[in-house]
């Protein structure tokens, strides 16, 4: 049996109090081993309760950091620096994105079956749940 790929999911979060716990809940409910992925939330300069809501989420594989500087690029870079060094992949997820339960399994299977093709990045179109803002 081959080992599971390890994913680091970095979530920059600026004023996302309405969504952050729902996003974390969807990520915690992924049909993928919890010890094969980590979730890194980087709150950056929020003026709402984003940081507190992220910290209050009960999960062992969630790390929450706070940086004073606003800016998605700064938060992404900070989160990437905090990712596990022996992980296989880092990807970035918006704080208002709710992946389907099979998301990591599907991604893992794709990456394993296309290994060595030399791709570096991809993008996907996702909308806030349920196809609009709360």
C-alpha atoms as a PDB file:
ATOM      1  CA  UNK A   1       0.000   0.000   0.000  1.00  0.00           C
ATOM      2  CA  UNK A   2       1.374   3.405  -0.912  1.00  0.00           C
ATOM      3  CA  UNK A   3       1.406   6.159   1.649  1.00  0.00           C
ATOM      4  CA  UNK A   4      -1.046   9.032   1.481  1.00  0.00           C
ATOM      5  CA  UNK A   5       0.180  12.313   0.041  1.00  0.00           C
ATOM      6  CA  UNK A   6       0.475  14.994   2.700  1.00  0.00           C
ATOM      7  CA  UNK A   7      -1.232  18.316   1.981  1.00  0.00           C
ATOM      8  CA  UNK A   8      -0.797  21.684   3.657  1.00  0.00           C
ATOM      9  CA  UNK A   9      -3.864  23.863   3.161  1.00  0.00           C
ATOM     10  CA  UNK A  10      -3.100  27.547   3.736  1.00  0.00           C
ATOM     11  CA  UNK A  11      -6.063  29.848   4.295  1.00  0.00           C
ATOM     12  CA  UNK A  12      -5.428  33.602   4.336  1.00  0.00           C
ATOM     13  CA  UNK A  13      -8.256  35.133   6.370  1.00  0.00           C
ATOM     14  CA  UNK A  14      -9.012  38.842   6.497  1.00  0.00           C
ATOM     15  CA  UNK A  15     -12.399  39.757   8.010  1.00  0.00           C
ATOM     16  CA  UNK A  16     -13.864  36.294   7.407  1.00  0.00           C
ATOM     17  CA  UNK A  17     -15.814  35.839  10.652  1.00  0.00           C
ATOM     18  CA  UNK A  18     -18.942  34.808   8.704  1.00  0.00           C
ATOM     19  CA  UNK A  19     -17.220  31.934   6.908  1.00  0.00           C
ATOM     20  CA  UNK A  20     -14.092  30.720   8.672  1.00  0.00           C
ATOM     21  CA  UNK A  21     -15.698  28.144  10.960  1.00  0.00           C
ATOM     22  CA  UNK A  22     -17.817  26.711   8.128  1.00  0.00           C
ATOM     23  CA  UNK A  23     -14.743  26.421   5.945  1.00  0.00           C
ATOM     24  CA  UNK A  24     -12.825  24.681   8.736  1.00  0.00           C
ATOM     25  CA  UNK A  25     -15.763  22.332   9.351  1.00  0.00           C
ATOM     26  CA  UNK A  26     -15.860  21.347   5.668  1.00  0.00           C
ATOM     27  CA  UNK A  27     -12.105  20.745   5.721  1.00  0.00           C
ATOM     28  CA  UNK A  28     -12.322  18.687   8.911  1.00  0.00           C
ATOM     29  CA  UNK A  29     -15.034  16.539   7.308  1.00  0.00           C
ATOM     30  CA  UNK A  30     -12.951  15.644   4.254  1.00  0.00           C
ATOM     31  CA  UNK A  31     -12.877  11.942   3.458  1.00  0.00           C
ATOM     32  CA  UNK A  32      -9.111  11.809   3.826  1.00  0.00           C
ATOM     33  CA  UNK A  33      -7.013  10.816   6.847  1.00  0.00           C
ATOM     34  CA  UNK A  34      -6.704  13.735   9.282  1.00  0.00           C
ATOM     35  CA  UNK A  35      -3.033  12.937   9.813  1.00  0.00           C
ATOM     36  CA  UNK A  36      -2.361  13.362   6.077  1.00  0.00           C
ATOM     37  CA  UNK A  37      -3.199  17.055   5.899  1.00  0.00           C
ATOM     38  CA  UNK A  38      -2.819  20.198   7.929  1.00  0.00           C
ATOM     39  CA  UNK A  39      -4.830  23.391   7.846  1.00  0.00           C
ATOM     40  CA  UNK A  40      -2.984  26.656   8.368  1.00  0.00           C
ATOM     41  CA  UNK A  41      -5.131  29.739   8.925  1.00  0.00           C
ATOM     42  CA  UNK A  42      -3.322  33.062   8.667  1.00  0.00           C
ATOM     43  CA  UNK A  43      -5.460  35.883   9.997  1.00  0.00           C
ATOM     44  CA  UNK A  44      -4.038  39.121   8.687  1.00  0.00           C
ATOM     45  CA  UNK A  45      -5.154  42.475   9.977  1.00  0.00           C
ATOM     46  CA  UNK A  46      -8.819  41.671  10.553  1.00  0.00           C
ATOM     47  CA  UNK A  47     -11.078  44.124  12.352  1.00  0.00           C
ATOM     48  CA  UNK A  48     -13.680  41.484  13.201  1.00  0.00           C
ATOM     49  CA  UNK A  49     -13.624  38.208  15.169  1.00  0.00           C
ATOM     50  CA  UNK A  50     -11.945  36.095  12.475  1.00  0.00           C
ATOM     51  CA  UNK A  51      -8.979  35.247  14.711  1.00  0.00           C
ATOM     52  CA  UNK A  52     -11.111  34.227  17.692  1.00  0.00           C
ATOM     53  CA  UNK A  53     -13.442  32.097  15.559  1.00  0.00           C
ATOM     54  CA  UNK A  54     -10.529  30.303  13.935  1.00  0.00           C
ATOM     55  CA  UNK A  55      -8.843  29.684  17.293  1.00  0.00           C
ATOM     56  CA  UNK A  56     -12.107  28.376  18.758  1.00  0.00           C
ATOM     57  CA  UNK A  57     -12.427  25.672  16.114  1.00  0.00           C
ATOM     58  CA  UNK A  58     -11.776  22.291  17.789  1.00  0.00           C
ATOM     59  CA  UNK A  59      -9.379  20.341  15.568  1.00  0.00           C
ATOM     60  CA  UNK A  60      -5.936  18.881  16.053  1.00  0.00           C
ATOM     61  CA  UNK A  61      -4.713  19.477  12.511  1.00  0.00           C
ATOM     62  CA  UNK A  62      -5.560  23.210  12.450  1.00  0.00           C
ATOM     63  CA  UNK A  63      -2.928  25.835  13.216  1.00  0.00           C
ATOM     64  CA  UNK A  64      -3.914  29.480  13.529  1.00  0.00           C
ATOM     65  CA  UNK A  65      -1.497  32.367  13.141  1.00  0.00           C
ATOM     66  CA  UNK A  66      -2.034  36.098  13.197  1.00  0.00           C
ATOM     67  CA  UNK A  67       0.022  38.706  11.394  1.00  0.00           C
ATOM     68  CA  UNK A  68      -0.743  42.420  11.586  1.00  0.00           C
ATOM     69  CA  UNK A  69      -0.198  43.153   7.909  1.00  0.00           C
ATOM     70  CA  UNK A  70      -3.238  42.940   5.659  1.00  0.00           C
ATOM     71  CA  UNK A  71      -2.715  41.495   2.200  1.00  0.00           C
ATOM     72  CA  UNK A  72      -3.450  38.082   0.771  1.00  0.00           C
ATOM     73  CA  UNK A  73       0.049  37.574  -0.670  1.00  0.00           C
ATOM     74  CA  UNK A  74       1.692  38.268   2.673  1.00  0.00           C
ATOM     75  CA  UNK A  75      -0.664  35.847   4.426  1.00  0.00           C
ATOM     76  CA  UNK A  76      -0.115  33.121   1.812  1.00  0.00           C
ATOM     77  CA  UNK A  77       3.655  33.439   2.031  1.00  0.00           C
ATOM     78  CA  UNK A  78       3.569  33.364   5.830  1.00  0.00           C
ATOM     79  CA  UNK A  79       1.376  30.264   5.786  1.00  0.00           C
ATOM     80  CA  UNK A  80       3.631  28.517   3.273  1.00  0.00           C
ATOM     81  CA  UNK A  81       6.594  29.157   5.582  1.00  0.00           C
ATOM     82  CA  UNK A  82       4.685  27.470   8.434  1.00  0.00           C
ATOM     83  CA  UNK A  83       3.778  24.390   6.381  1.00  0.00           C
ATOM     84  CA  UNK A  84       5.257  21.077   7.350  1.00  0.00           C
ATOM     85  CA  UNK A  85       8.652  20.791   5.624  1.00  0.00           C
ATOM     86  CA  UNK A  86       8.217  17.119   4.769  1.00  0.00           C
ATOM     87  CA  UNK A  87       4.780  17.613   3.193  1.00  0.00           C
ATOM     88  CA  UNK A  88       4.104  16.833  -0.443  1.00  0.00           C
ATOM     89  CA  UNK A  89       1.915  19.719  -1.562  1.00  0.00           C
ATOM     90  CA  UNK A  90       0.888  23.186  -0.378  1.00  0.00           C
ATOM     91  CA  UNK A  91      -2.201  24.829  -1.742  1.00  0.00           C
ATOM     92  CA  UNK A  92      -4.124  27.948  -0.901  1.00  0.00           C
ATOM     93  CA  UNK A  93      -7.829  28.121  -0.209  1.00  0.00           C
ATOM     94  CA  UNK A  94     -10.019  31.172   0.273  1.00  0.00           C
ATOM     95  CA  UNK A  95     -11.639  31.418   3.695  1.00  0.00           C
ATOM     96  CA  UNK A  96     -15.121  31.272   2.178  1.00  0.00           C
ATOM     97  CA  UNK A  97     -14.609  28.114   0.115  1.00  0.00           C
ATOM     98  CA  UNK A  98     -16.245  24.851   1.136  1.00  0.00           C
ATOM     99  CA  UNK A  99     -14.705  21.828  -0.613  1.00  0.00           C
ATOM    100  CA  UNK A 100     -16.684  18.681  -1.248  1.00  0.00           C
ATOM    101  CA  UNK A 101     -15.874  15.690   1.015  1.00  0.00           C
ATOM    102  CA  UNK A 102     -13.928  13.856  -1.722  1.00  0.00           C
ATOM    103  CA  UNK A 103     -11.800  16.878  -2.671  1.00  0.00           C
ATOM    104  CA  UNK A 104      -8.459  15.721  -1.213  1.00  0.00           C
ATOM    105  CA  UNK A 105      -8.999  12.089  -2.233  1.00  0.00           C
ATOM    106  CA  UNK A 106      -9.684  13.164  -5.822  1.00  0.00           C
ATOM    107  CA  UNK A 107      -6.709  15.518  -5.839  1.00  0.00           C
ATOM    108  CA  UNK A 108      -4.440  12.871  -4.340  1.00  0.00           C
ATOM    109  CA  UNK A 109      -5.482  10.264  -6.908  1.00  0.00           C
ATOM    110  CA  UNK A 110      -4.937  12.719  -9.752  1.00  0.00           C
ATOM    111  CA  UNK A 111      -1.476  13.682  -8.504  1.00  0.00           C
ATOM    112  CA  UNK A 112      -0.427  10.063  -7.989  1.00  0.00           C
ATOM    113  CA  UNK A 113      -1.607   9.030 -11.462  1.00  0.00           C
ATOM    114  CA  UNK A 114       0.053  11.953 -13.210  1.00  0.00           C
ATOM    115  CA  UNK A 115       3.307  11.952 -11.258  1.00  0.00           C
ATOM    116  CA  UNK A 116       6.287  13.272 -13.155  1.00  0.00           C
ATOM    117  CA  UNK A 117       4.399  15.430 -15.614  1.00  0.00           C
ATOM    118  CA  UNK A 118       6.053  18.610 -14.376  1.00  0.00           C
ATOM    119  CA  UNK A 119       3.017  20.698 -13.459  1.00  0.00           C
ATOM    120  CA  UNK A 120       3.402  23.260 -10.727  1.00  0.00           C
ATOM    121  CA  UNK A 121       0.044  24.925 -10.171  1.00  0.00           C
ATOM    122  CA  UNK A 122      -3.593  24.873 -11.049  1.00  0.00           C
ATOM    123  CA  UNK A 123      -6.697  26.830 -10.443  1.00  0.00           C
ATOM    124  CA  UNK A 124     -10.312  25.995  -9.951  1.00  0.00           C
ATOM    125  CA  UNK A 125     -13.450  28.057  -9.927  1.00  0.00           C
ATOM    126  CA  UNK A 126     -15.399  27.750  -6.688  1.00  0.00           C
ATOM    127  CA  UNK A 127     -18.151  29.951  -5.342  1.00  0.00           C
ATOM    128  CA  UNK A 128     -19.079  30.779  -1.766  1.00  0.00           C
ATOM    129  CA  UNK A 129     -21.704  28.456  -0.358  1.00  0.00           C
ATOM    130  CA  UNK A 130     -24.510  28.270  -1.454  1.00  0.00           C
ATOM    131  CA  UNK A 131     -23.624  30.031  -4.681  1.00  0.00           C
ATOM    132  CA  UNK A 132     -23.772  33.405  -2.995  1.00  0.00           C
ATOM    133  CA  UNK A 133     -22.856  35.307   0.097  1.00  0.00           C
ATOM    134  CA  UNK A 134     -24.452  34.767   3.508  1.00  0.00           C
END
